[in-house]
């Protein structure tokens, strides 16, 4: 698997969860 792509995916999901949480 592509590590950078995986990290960016997880980052995007984390940001989306943060935005929903606020």
PDB file of N, CA and C in Angstrom:
ATOM      1  N   UNK A   1       0.841  -1.212   0.000  1.00  0.00           N
ATOM      2  CA  UNK A   1       0.000   0.000   0.000  1.00  0.00           C
ATOM      3  C   UNK A   1       0.871   1.255   0.000  1.00  0.00           C
ATOM      4  N   UNK A   2       0.303   2.334  -0.501  1.00  0.00           N
ATOM      5  CA  UNK A   2       1.033   3.589  -0.558  1.00  0.00           C
ATOM      6  C   UNK A   2       0.886   4.310   0.785  1.00  0.00           C
ATOM      7  N   UNK A   3       1.991   4.414   1.526  1.00  0.00           N
ATOM      8  CA  UNK A   3       1.941   5.033   2.860  1.00  0.00           C
ATOM      9  C   UNK A   3       1.418   6.472   2.814  1.00  0.00           C
ATOM     10  N   UNK A   4       1.987   7.347   1.974  1.00  0.00           N
ATOM     11  CA  UNK A   4       1.505   8.742   1.914  1.00  0.00           C
ATOM     12  C   UNK A   4       0.011   8.829   1.621  1.00  0.00           C
ATOM     13  N   UNK A   5      -0.465   7.989   0.717  1.00  0.00           N
ATOM     14  CA  UNK A   5      -1.892   8.012   0.383  1.00  0.00           C
ATOM     15  C   UNK A   5      -2.713   7.577   1.596  1.00  0.00           C
ATOM     16  N   UNK A   6      -2.231   6.565   2.297  1.00  0.00           N
ATOM     17  CA  UNK A   6      -2.947   6.066   3.471  1.00  0.00           C
ATOM     18  C   UNK A   6      -3.013   7.146   4.549  1.00  0.00           C
ATOM     19  N   UNK A   7      -1.880   7.831   4.747  1.00  0.00           N
ATOM     20  CA  UNK A   7      -1.839   8.894   5.753  1.00  0.00           C
ATOM     21  C   UNK A   7      -2.803  10.020   5.399  1.00  0.00           C
ATOM     22  N   UNK A   8      -2.805  10.414   4.128  1.00  0.00           N
ATOM     23  CA  UNK A   8      -3.699  11.507   3.725  1.00  0.00           C
ATOM     24  C   UNK A   8      -5.159  11.099   3.888  1.00  0.00           C
ATOM     25  N   UNK A   9      -5.452   9.834   3.611  1.00  0.00           N
ATOM     26  CA  UNK A   9      -6.830   9.359   3.784  1.00  0.00           C
ATOM     27  C   UNK A   9      -7.231   9.444   5.260  1.00  0.00           C
ATOM     28  N   UNK A  10      -6.357   8.964   6.137  1.00  0.00           N
ATOM     29  CA  UNK A  10      -6.658   8.994   7.570  1.00  0.00           C
ATOM     30  C   UNK A  10      -6.777  10.432   8.064  1.00  0.00           C
ATOM     31  N   UNK A  11      -5.912  11.308   7.548  1.00  0.00           N
ATOM     32  CA  UNK A  11      -5.966  12.719   7.946  1.00  0.00           C
ATOM     33  C   UNK A  11      -7.286  13.329   7.530  1.00  0.00           C
ATOM     34  N   UNK A  12      -7.708  13.033   6.292  1.00  0.00           N
ATOM     35  CA  UNK A  12      -8.972  13.596   5.802  1.00  0.00           C
ATOM     36  C   UNK A  12     -10.137  13.101   6.655  1.00  0.00           C
ATOM     37  N   UNK A  13     -10.134  11.826   6.989  1.00  0.00           N
ATOM     38  CA  UNK A  13     -11.209  11.268   7.815  1.00  0.00           C
ATOM     39  C   UNK A  13     -11.196  11.930   9.198  1.00  0.00           C
ATOM     40  N   UNK A  14     -10.000  12.102   9.761  1.00  0.00           N
ATOM     41  CA  UNK A  14      -9.882  12.722  11.080  1.00  0.00           C
ATOM     42  C   UNK A  14     -10.408  14.141  11.063  1.00  0.00           C
ATOM     43  N   UNK A  15     -10.086  14.888  10.012  1.00  0.00           N
ATOM     44  CA  UNK A  15     -10.560  16.268   9.891  1.00  0.00           C
ATOM     45  C   UNK A  15     -12.079  16.289   9.763  1.00  0.00           C
ATOM     46  N   UNK A  16     -12.613  15.369   8.973  1.00  0.00           N
ATOM     47  CA  UNK A  16     -14.068  15.321   8.798  1.00  0.00           C
ATOM     48  C   UNK A  16     -14.758  15.023  10.127  1.00  0.00           C
ATOM     49  N   UNK A  17     -14.180  14.103  10.910  1.00  0.00           N
ATOM     50  CA  UNK A  17     -14.777  13.776  12.201  1.00  0.00           C
ATOM     51  C   UNK A  17     -14.706  14.980  13.137  1.00  0.00           C
ATOM     52  N   UNK A  18     -13.579  15.700  13.085  1.00  0.00           N
ATOM     53  CA  UNK A  18     -13.425  16.885  13.931  1.00  0.00           C
ATOM     54  C   UNK A  18     -14.461  17.930  13.567  1.00  0.00           C
ATOM     55  N   UNK A  19     -14.647  18.151  12.293  1.00  0.00           N
ATOM     56  CA  UNK A  19     -15.605  19.158  11.824  1.00  0.00           C
ATOM     57  C   UNK A  19     -17.016  18.771  12.266  1.00  0.00           C
ATOM     58  N   UNK A  20     -17.345  17.482  12.154  1.00  0.00           N
ATOM     59  CA  UNK A  20     -18.680  17.031  12.557  1.00  0.00           C
ATOM     60  C   UNK A  20     -18.868  17.172  14.062  1.00  0.00           C
ATOM     61  N   UNK A  21     -17.781  17.012  14.803  1.00  0.00           N
ATOM     62  CA  UNK A  21     -17.864  17.042  16.257  1.00  0.00           C
ATOM     63  C   UNK A  21     -18.188  18.445  16.769  1.00  0.00           C
ATOM     64  N   UNK A  22     -17.702  19.460  16.055  1.00  0.00           N
ATOM     65  CA  UNK A  22     -17.899  20.830  16.539  1.00  0.00           C
ATOM     66  C   UNK A  22     -19.296  21.348  16.296  1.00  0.00           C
TER      67      UNK A  22
END
